């Protein structure tokens, strides 16, 4: 029985010893937005440029659609 209680304590320690998420990133859709550092900064800049390039107005989409018909 002593072995079982030791095992239960170790299991409980493993469950509680995990690294918890930062409160700033908890419950956000993109936790990487709040990360800091050189790599994160570069990735965020790339993400912003790509998102800006991906924007397409309704008029542009309609022109492309009409052109292809």
PDB file of N, CA and C in Angstrom:
ATOM      1  N   UNK A   1       0.818  -1.194   0.000  1.00  0.00           N
ATOM      2  CA  UNK A   1       0.000   0.000   0.000  1.00  0.00           C
ATOM      3  C   UNK A   1       0.860   1.255   0.000  1.00  0.00           C
ATOM      4  N   UNK A   2       2.002   1.220   0.628  1.00  0.00           N
ATOM      5  CA  UNK A   2       2.885   2.382   0.649  1.00  0.00           C
ATOM      6  C   UNK A   2       3.338   2.732  -0.758  1.00  0.00           C
ATOM      7  N   UNK A   3       3.528   1.715  -1.583  1.00  0.00           N
ATOM      8  CA  UNK A   3       3.946   1.965  -2.959  1.00  0.00           C
ATOM      9  C   UNK A   3       2.856   2.687  -3.747  1.00  0.00           C
ATOM     10  N   UNK A   4       1.606   2.352  -3.469  1.00  0.00           N
ATOM     11  CA  UNK A   4       0.510   3.003  -4.185  1.00  0.00           C
ATOM     12  C   UNK A   4       0.414   4.474  -3.821  1.00  0.00           C
ATOM     13  N   UNK A   5       0.561   4.814  -2.541  1.00  0.00           N
ATOM     14  CA  UNK A   5       0.465   6.222  -2.143  1.00  0.00           C
ATOM     15  C   UNK A   5       1.661   7.011  -2.675  1.00  0.00           C
ATOM     16  N   UNK A   6       2.847   6.382  -2.731  1.00  0.00           N
ATOM     17  CA  UNK A   6       4.006   7.049  -3.319  1.00  0.00           C
ATOM     18  C   UNK A   6       3.774   7.311  -4.802  1.00  0.00           C
ATOM     19  N   UNK A   7       3.197   6.347  -5.475  1.00  0.00           N
ATOM     20  CA  UNK A   7       2.913   6.497  -6.903  1.00  0.00           C
ATOM     21  C   UNK A   7       1.896   7.614  -7.126  1.00  0.00           C
ATOM     22  N   UNK A   8       0.878   7.676  -6.273  1.00  0.00           N
ATOM     23  CA  UNK A   8      -0.135   8.718  -6.403  1.00  0.00           C
ATOM     24  C   UNK A   8       0.477  10.098  -6.181  1.00  0.00           C
ATOM     25  N   UNK A   9       1.397  10.211  -5.219  1.00  0.00           N
ATOM     26  CA  UNK A   9       2.061  11.491  -4.959  1.00  0.00           C
ATOM     27  C   UNK A   9       2.906  11.904  -6.157  1.00  0.00           C
ATOM     28  N   UNK A  10       3.627  10.942  -6.733  1.00  0.00           N
ATOM     29  CA  UNK A  10       4.451  11.253  -7.901  1.00  0.00           C
ATOM     30  C   UNK A  10       3.589  11.676  -9.075  1.00  0.00           C
ATOM     31  N   UNK A  11       2.470  11.003  -9.276  1.00  0.00           N
ATOM     32  CA  UNK A  11       1.556  11.362 -10.361  1.00  0.00           C
ATOM     33  C   UNK A  11       0.993  12.767 -10.141  1.00  0.00           C
ATOM     34  N   UNK A  12       0.647  13.077  -8.902  1.00  0.00           N
ATOM     35  CA  UNK A  12       0.122  14.403  -8.588  1.00  0.00           C
ATOM     36  C   UNK A  12       1.193  15.474  -8.811  1.00  0.00           C
ATOM     37  N   UNK A  13       2.430  15.177  -8.454  1.00  0.00           N
ATOM     38  CA  UNK A  13       3.527  16.122  -8.674  1.00  0.00           C
ATOM     39  C   UNK A  13       3.745  16.365 -10.162  1.00  0.00           C
ATOM     40  N   UNK A  14       3.656  15.305 -10.954  1.00  0.00           N
ATOM     41  CA  UNK A  14       3.830  15.454 -12.393  1.00  0.00           C
ATOM     42  C   UNK A  14       2.742  16.348 -12.979  1.00  0.00           C
ATOM     43  N   UNK A  15       1.520  16.205 -12.502  1.00  0.00           N
ATOM     44  CA  UNK A  15       0.412  16.991 -13.025  1.00  0.00           C
ATOM     45  C   UNK A  15       0.551  18.464 -12.656  1.00  0.00           C
ATOM     46  N   UNK A  16       1.050  18.753 -11.469  1.00  0.00           N
ATOM     47  CA  UNK A  16       1.139  20.138 -11.023  1.00  0.00           C
ATOM     48  C   UNK A  16       2.475  20.783 -11.358  1.00  0.00           C
ATOM     49  N   UNK A  17       3.452  20.016 -11.800  1.00  0.00           N
ATOM     50  CA  UNK A  17       4.765  20.586 -12.058  1.00  0.00           C
ATOM     51  C   UNK A  17       4.927  21.071 -13.494  1.00  0.00           C
ATOM     52  N   UNK A  18       3.905  20.963 -14.309  1.00  0.00           N
ATOM     53  CA  UNK A  18       3.988  21.423 -15.699  1.00  0.00           C
ATOM     54  C   UNK A  18       4.074  22.944 -15.731  1.00  0.00           C
ATOM     55  N   UNK A  19       4.666  23.453 -16.773  1.00  0.00           N
ATOM     56  CA  UNK A  19       4.778  24.889 -16.923  1.00  0.00           C
ATOM     57  C   UNK A  19       3.416  25.442 -17.300  1.00  0.00           C
ATOM     58  N   UNK A  20       2.968  26.398 -16.548  1.00  0.00           N
ATOM     59  CA  UNK A  20       1.669  27.009 -16.787  1.00  0.00           C
ATOM     60  C   UNK A  20       1.796  28.085 -17.864  1.00  0.00           C
ATOM     61  N   UNK A  21       0.729  28.329 -18.636  1.00  0.00           N
ATOM     62  CA  UNK A  21       0.785  29.385 -19.644  1.00  0.00           C
ATOM     63  C   UNK A  21       0.833  30.759 -18.987  1.00  0.00           C
ATOM     64  N   UNK A  22       1.427  31.722 -19.695  1.00  0.00           N
ATOM     65  CA  UNK A  22       1.473  33.080 -19.190  1.00  0.00           C
ATOM     66  C   UNK A  22       0.064  33.640 -19.142  1.00  0.00           C
ATOM     67  N   UNK A  23      -0.262  34.409 -18.118  1.00  0.00           N
ATOM     68  CA  UNK A  23      -1.608  34.975 -18.017  1.00  0.00           C
ATOM     69  C   UNK A  23      -1.961  35.862 -19.210  1.00  0.00           C
ATOM     70  N   UNK A  24      -0.946  36.557 -19.808  1.00  0.00           N
ATOM     71  CA  UNK A  24      -1.221  37.430 -20.950  1.00  0.00           C
ATOM     72  C   UNK A  24      -1.668  36.633 -22.166  1.00  0.00           C
ATOM     73  N   UNK A  25      -1.185  35.411 -22.309  1.00  0.00           N
ATOM     74  CA  UNK A  25      -1.487  34.618 -23.491  1.00  0.00           C
ATOM     75  C   UNK A  25      -2.658  33.671 -23.285  1.00  0.00           C
ATOM     76  N   UNK A  26      -3.118  33.562 -22.077  1.00  0.00           N
ATOM     77  CA  UNK A  26      -4.223  32.671 -21.777  1.00  0.00           C
ATOM     78  C   UNK A  26      -5.507  33.240 -22.366  1.00  0.00           C
ATOM     79  N   UNK A  27      -6.303  32.414 -22.998  1.00  0.00           N
ATOM     80  CA  UNK A  27      -7.597  32.783 -23.577  1.00  0.00           C
ATOM     81  C   UNK A  27      -7.461  33.774 -24.738  1.00  0.00           C
ATOM     82  N   UNK A  28      -6.380  33.684 -25.501  1.00  0.00           N
ATOM     83  CA  UNK A  28      -6.246  34.510 -26.699  1.00  0.00           C
ATOM     84  C   UNK A  28      -6.238  33.598 -27.909  1.00  0.00           C
ATOM     85  N   UNK A  29      -6.628  34.141 -29.049  1.00  0.00           N
ATOM     86  CA  UNK A  29      -6.667  33.323 -30.252  1.00  0.00           C
ATOM     87  C   UNK A  29      -5.283  33.072 -30.818  1.00  0.00           C
ATOM     88  N   UNK A  30      -4.348  34.009 -30.609  1.00  0.00           N
ATOM     89  CA  UNK A  30      -2.990  33.841 -31.120  1.00  0.00           C
ATOM     90  C   UNK A  30      -1.995  34.259 -30.042  1.00  0.00           C
ATOM     91  N   UNK A  31      -1.607  33.344 -29.158  1.00  0.00           N
ATOM     92  CA  UNK A  31      -0.683  33.700 -28.089  1.00  0.00           C
ATOM     93  C   UNK A  31       0.650  34.226 -28.599  1.00  0.00           C
ATOM     94  N   UNK A  32       1.024  33.895 -29.822  1.00  0.00           N
ATOM     95  CA  UNK A  32       2.306  34.340 -30.353  1.00  0.00           C
ATOM     96  C   UNK A  32       2.345  35.850 -30.557  1.00  0.00           C
ATOM     97  N   UNK A  33       1.199  36.502 -30.634  1.00  0.00           N
ATOM     98  CA  UNK A  33       1.178  37.950 -30.807  1.00  0.00           C
ATOM     99  C   UNK A  33       1.834  38.658 -29.636  1.00  0.00           C
ATOM    100  N   UNK A  34       1.794  38.073 -28.465  1.00  0.00           N
ATOM    101  CA  UNK A  34       2.337  38.709 -27.269  1.00  0.00           C
ATOM    102  C   UNK A  34       3.774  38.293 -26.960  1.00  0.00           C
ATOM    103  N   UNK A  35       4.327  37.399 -27.745  1.00  0.00           N
ATOM    104  CA  UNK A  35       5.684  36.940 -27.487  1.00  0.00           C
ATOM    105  C   UNK A  35       6.688  38.013 -27.876  1.00  0.00           C
ATOM    106  N   UNK A  36       7.803  38.024 -27.182  1.00  0.00           N
ATOM    107  CA  UNK A  36       8.843  38.998 -27.444  1.00  0.00           C
ATOM    108  C   UNK A  36      10.134  38.278 -27.791  1.00  0.00           C
ATOM    109  N   UNK A  37      10.991  38.976 -28.480  1.00  0.00           N
ATOM    110  CA  UNK A  37      12.275  38.413 -28.850  1.00  0.00           C
ATOM    111  C   UNK A  37      12.536  38.625 -30.323  1.00  0.00           C
ATOM    112  N   UNK A  38      13.761  38.417 -30.748  1.00  0.00           N
ATOM    113  CA  UNK A  38      14.107  38.709 -32.140  1.00  0.00           C
ATOM    114  C   UNK A  38      13.362  37.844 -33.147  1.00  0.00           C
ATOM    115  N   UNK A  39      13.244  36.569 -32.890  1.00  0.00           N
ATOM    116  CA  UNK A  39      12.562  35.682 -33.837  1.00  0.00           C
ATOM    117  C   UNK A  39      11.073  35.992 -33.877  1.00  0.00           C
ATOM    118  N   UNK A  40      10.469  36.194 -32.720  1.00  0.00           N
ATOM    119  CA  UNK A  40       9.040  36.508 -32.666  1.00  0.00           C
ATOM    120  C   UNK A  40       8.748  37.822 -33.383  1.00  0.00           C
ATOM    121  N   UNK A  41       9.616  38.808 -33.209  1.00  0.00           N
ATOM    122  CA  UNK A  41       9.416  40.095 -33.872  1.00  0.00           C
ATOM    123  C   UNK A  41       9.464  39.943 -35.379  1.00  0.00           C
ATOM    124  N   UNK A  42      10.412  39.184 -35.878  1.00  0.00           N
ATOM    125  CA  UNK A  42      10.527  38.949 -37.315  1.00  0.00           C
ATOM    126  C   UNK A  42       9.293  38.226 -37.830  1.00  0.00           C
ATOM    127  N   UNK A  43       8.863  37.207 -37.115  1.00  0.00           N
ATOM    128  CA  UNK A  43       7.698  36.437 -37.549  1.00  0.00           C
ATOM    129  C   UNK A  43       6.436  37.304 -37.555  1.00  0.00           C
ATOM    130  N   UNK A  44       6.276  38.170 -36.561  1.00  0.00           N
ATOM    131  CA  UNK A  44       5.104  39.040 -36.519  1.00  0.00           C
ATOM    132  C   UNK A  44       5.127  40.032 -37.679  1.00  0.00           C
ATOM    133  N   UNK A  45       6.313  40.558 -38.019  1.00  0.00           N
ATOM    134  CA  UNK A  45       6.417  41.477 -39.154  1.00  0.00           C
ATOM    135  C   UNK A  45       6.056  40.766 -40.453  1.00  0.00           C
ATOM    136  N   UNK A  46       6.543  39.555 -40.626  1.00  0.00           N
ATOM    137  CA  UNK A  46       6.218  38.774 -41.819  1.00  0.00           C
ATOM    138  C   UNK A  46       4.717  38.521 -41.881  1.00  0.00           C
ATOM    139  N   UNK A  47       4.138  38.167 -40.754  1.00  0.00           N
ATOM    140  CA  UNK A  47       2.700  37.889 -40.698  1.00  0.00           C
ATOM    141  C   UNK A  47       1.894  39.112 -41.118  1.00  0.00           C
ATOM    142  N   UNK A  48       2.287  40.287 -40.635  1.00  0.00           N
ATOM    143  CA  UNK A  48       1.560  41.511 -40.973  1.00  0.00           C
ATOM    144  C   UNK A  48       1.660  41.816 -42.464  1.00  0.00           C
ATOM    145  N   UNK A  49       2.845  41.636 -43.049  1.00  0.00           N
ATOM    146  CA  UNK A  49       3.027  41.900 -44.474  1.00  0.00           C
ATOM    147  C   UNK A  49       2.193  40.931 -45.304  1.00  0.00           C
ATOM    148  N   UNK A  50       2.209  39.664 -44.923  1.00  0.00           N
ATOM    149  CA  UNK A  50       1.449  38.658 -45.667  1.00  0.00           C
ATOM    150  C   UNK A  50      -0.046  38.944 -45.571  1.00  0.00           C
ATOM    151  N   UNK A  51      -0.519  39.281 -44.393  1.00  0.00           N
ATOM    152  CA  UNK A  51      -1.941  39.577 -44.234  1.00  0.00           C
ATOM    153  C   UNK A  51      -2.331  40.798 -45.061  1.00  0.00           C
ATOM    154  N   UNK A  52      -1.472  41.800 -45.094  1.00  0.00           N
ATOM    155  CA  UNK A  52      -1.759  42.995 -45.879  1.00  0.00           C
ATOM    156  C   UNK A  52      -1.808  42.648 -47.368  1.00  0.00           C
ATOM    157  N   UNK A  53      -0.878  41.804 -47.822  1.00  0.00           N
ATOM    158  CA  UNK A  53      -0.842  41.408 -49.223  1.00  0.00           C
ATOM    159  C   UNK A  53      -2.029  40.531 -49.600  1.00  0.00           C
ATOM    160  N   UNK A  54      -2.574  39.810 -48.639  1.00  0.00           N
ATOM    161  CA  UNK A  54      -3.684  38.902 -48.918  1.00  0.00           C
ATOM    162  C   UNK A  54      -5.029  39.606 -48.994  1.00  0.00           C
ATOM    163  N   UNK A  55      -5.094  40.842 -48.535  1.00  0.00           N
ATOM    164  CA  UNK A  55      -6.361  41.553 -48.550  1.00  0.00           C
ATOM    165  C   UNK A  55      -6.788  41.790 -49.993  1.00  0.00           C
ATOM    166  N   UNK A  56      -8.036  41.500 -50.248  1.00  0.00           N
ATOM    167  CA  UNK A  56      -8.571  41.700 -51.585  1.00  0.00           C
ATOM    168  C   UNK A  56      -9.928  42.362 -51.444  1.00  0.00           C
ATOM    169  N   UNK A  57     -10.100  43.448 -52.121  1.00  0.00           N
ATOM    170  CA  UNK A  57     -11.373  44.143 -52.010  1.00  0.00           C
ATOM    171  C   UNK A  57     -12.435  43.393 -52.795  1.00  0.00           C
ATOM    172  N   UNK A  58     -13.672  43.702 -52.472  1.00  0.00           N
ATOM    173  CA  UNK A  58     -14.785  43.059 -53.170  1.00  0.00           C
ATOM    174  C   UNK A  58     -14.744  43.413 -54.651  1.00  0.00           C
ATOM    175  N   UNK A  59     -14.363  44.640 -54.949  1.00  0.00           N
ATOM    176  CA  UNK A  59     -14.299  45.069 -56.344  1.00  0.00           C
ATOM    177  C   UNK A  59     -13.248  44.270 -57.117  1.00  0.00           C
ATOM    178  N   UNK A  60     -12.089  44.052 -56.496  1.00  0.00           N
ATOM    179  CA  UNK A  60     -11.037  43.261 -57.150  1.00  0.00           C
ATOM    180  C   UNK A  60     -11.514  41.839 -57.410  1.00  0.00           C
ATOM    181  N   UNK A  61     -12.166  41.267 -56.423  1.00  0.00           N
ATOM    182  CA  UNK A  61     -12.665  39.899 -56.568  1.00  0.00           C
ATOM    183  C   UNK A  61     -13.726  39.829 -57.663  1.00  0.00           C
ATOM    184  N   UNK A  62     -14.610  40.828 -57.717  1.00  0.00           N
ATOM    185  CA  UNK A  62     -15.639  40.845 -58.761  1.00  0.00           C
ATOM    186  C   UNK A  62     -15.017  40.988 -60.149  1.00  0.00           C
ATOM    187  N   UNK A  63     -13.990  41.848 -60.273  1.00  0.00           N
ATOM    188  CA  UNK A  63     -13.318  42.008 -61.568  1.00  0.00           C
ATOM    189  C   UNK A  63     -12.682  40.705 -62.025  1.00  0.00           C
ATOM    190  N   UNK A  64     -12.006  40.020 -61.104  1.00  0.00           N
ATOM    191  CA  UNK A  64     -11.386  38.745 -61.446  1.00  0.00           C
ATOM    192  C   UNK A  64     -12.435  37.721 -61.873  1.00  0.00           C
ATOM    193  N   UNK A  65     -13.544  37.721 -61.162  1.00  0.00           N
ATOM    194  CA  UNK A  65     -14.624  36.776 -61.450  1.00  0.00           C
ATOM    195  C   UNK A  65     -15.203  37.061 -62.838  1.00  0.00           C
ATOM    196  N   UNK A  66     -15.465  38.328 -63.108  1.00  0.00           N
ATOM    197  CA  UNK A  66     -16.018  38.711 -64.418  1.00  0.00           C
ATOM    198  C   UNK A  66     -15.039  38.417 -65.537  1.00  0.00           C
ATOM    199  N   UNK A  67     -13.770  38.638 -65.288  1.00  0.00           N
ATOM    200  CA  UNK A  67     -12.729  38.392 -66.294  1.00  0.00           C
ATOM    201  C   UNK A  67     -12.649  36.909 -66.650  1.00  0.00           C
ATOM    202  N   UNK A  68     -12.838  36.041 -65.671  1.00  0.00           N
ATOM    203  CA  UNK A  68     -12.732  34.608 -65.884  1.00  0.00           C
ATOM    204  C   UNK A  68     -13.992  33.977 -66.455  1.00  0.00           C
ATOM    205  N   UNK A  69     -15.054  34.708 -66.535  1.00  0.00           N
ATOM    206  CA  UNK A  69     -16.323  34.149 -67.049  1.00  0.00           C
ATOM    207  C   UNK A  69     -16.430  34.291 -68.529  1.00  0.00           C
TER     208      UNK A  69
END
